[in-house]
Amino acid sequence: MRTLDPTSRVLSGRAASTIAELEDGIALVDAQLGEAQRGRASREELLGLWQQRVQLMNQLVNVHVTRAAYVGL
C-alpha cells in the first residue's frame, strides 16, 4: 500500500508558494492564539481565531490532496 509523503515529492513553484503562505498564516494565527489565551481575549475572539486556524489547515490539506491526486496516488 502506498502512503502519501508530501515531503518526498517535487513541488512546482506555485504549490510551494501556496503551501508557504498557508503555513505562514497558520503560524501567525498560532501566535495570535497564544497571546489571546495569555491576555483577556473574549470567547468570541478565541473562537474566531480557532476558526481561522481550522480553515487554513483545511486549505493546506486540500493542497496536498490535490497534488497527490495530480501525480496519480
Protein backbone atom coordinates (compact mmCIF):
# COMPACT_ATOMS: atom_id res chain seq x y z
CA MET A 1 0.00 0.00 0.00
CA ARG A 2 1.32 3.40 -0.98
CA THR A 3 1.33 6.21 1.56
CA LEU A 4 1.35 9.93 0.99
CA ASP A 5 4.61 11.55 1.96
CA PRO A 6 4.33 15.16 0.80
CA THR A 7 7.95 15.89 1.71
CA SER A 8 9.25 13.35 -0.81
CA ARG A 9 7.62 14.99 -3.85
CA VAL A 10 8.93 17.72 -6.10
CA LEU A 11 6.84 20.88 -5.83
CA SER A 12 6.01 23.39 -8.50
CA GLY A 13 6.82 26.99 -7.66
CA ARG A 14 3.13 27.76 -7.38
CA ALA A 15 2.44 24.85 -5.00
CA ALA A 16 5.48 25.71 -2.86
CA SER A 17 4.38 29.33 -2.64
CA THR A 18 0.81 28.38 -1.72
CA ILE A 19 1.99 25.95 0.96
CA ALA A 20 4.42 28.52 2.40
CA GLU A 21 1.68 31.16 2.55
CA LEU A 22 -0.71 28.79 4.30
CA GLU A 23 1.95 27.67 6.79
CA ASP A 24 2.86 31.30 7.49
CA GLY A 25 -0.83 32.07 8.07
CA ILE A 26 -1.12 29.17 10.49
CA ALA A 27 1.98 30.36 12.37
CA LEU A 28 0.52 33.87 12.62
CA VAL A 29 -2.81 32.58 13.94
CA ASP A 30 -0.96 30.34 16.41
CA ALA A 31 0.94 33.38 17.73
CA GLN A 32 -2.31 35.33 18.00
CA LEU A 33 -3.94 32.43 19.83
CA GLY A 34 -1.05 32.28 22.29
CA GLU A 35 -1.31 35.98 23.02
CA ALA A 36 -5.09 35.86 23.24
CA GLN A 37 -5.02 32.97 25.69
CA ARG A 38 -2.50 34.80 27.91
CA GLY A 39 -4.45 38.04 27.70
CA ARG A 40 -8.04 38.86 28.21
CA ALA A 41 -9.47 37.83 24.87
CA SER A 42 -13.16 37.22 24.69
CA ARG A 43 -14.60 33.83 23.92
CA GLU A 44 -15.72 35.17 20.53
CA GLU A 45 -12.20 36.35 19.67
CA LEU A 46 -10.74 32.96 20.56
CA LEU A 47 -13.43 31.18 18.58
CA GLY A 48 -12.71 33.37 15.55
CA LEU A 49 -9.00 32.60 15.73
CA TRP A 50 -9.65 28.85 16.03
CA GLN A 51 -11.99 29.01 13.06
CA GLN A 52 -9.30 30.78 11.03
CA ARG A 53 -6.78 28.12 12.01
CA VAL A 54 -9.11 25.28 11.02
CA GLN A 55 -9.84 26.95 7.69
CA LEU A 56 -6.12 27.37 6.95
CA MET A 57 -5.40 23.77 7.93
CA ASN A 58 -8.20 22.54 5.66
CA GLN A 59 -6.77 24.57 2.79
CA LEU A 60 -3.31 23.11 3.42
CA VAL A 61 -4.70 19.57 3.40
CA ASN A 62 -6.55 20.32 0.15
CA VAL A 63 -3.32 21.49 -1.50
CA HIS A 64 -1.58 18.26 -0.52
CA VAL A 65 -4.53 16.07 -1.57
CA THR A 66 -4.81 17.86 -4.90
CA ARG A 67 -1.09 17.38 -5.52
CA ALA A 68 -1.32 13.68 -4.62
CA ALA A 69 -4.29 13.20 -6.95
CA TYR A 70 -2.47 15.04 -9.73
CA VAL A 71 0.54 12.68 -9.57
CA GLY A 72 -1.70 9.63 -9.57
CA LEU A 73 -1.67 8.48 -5.96
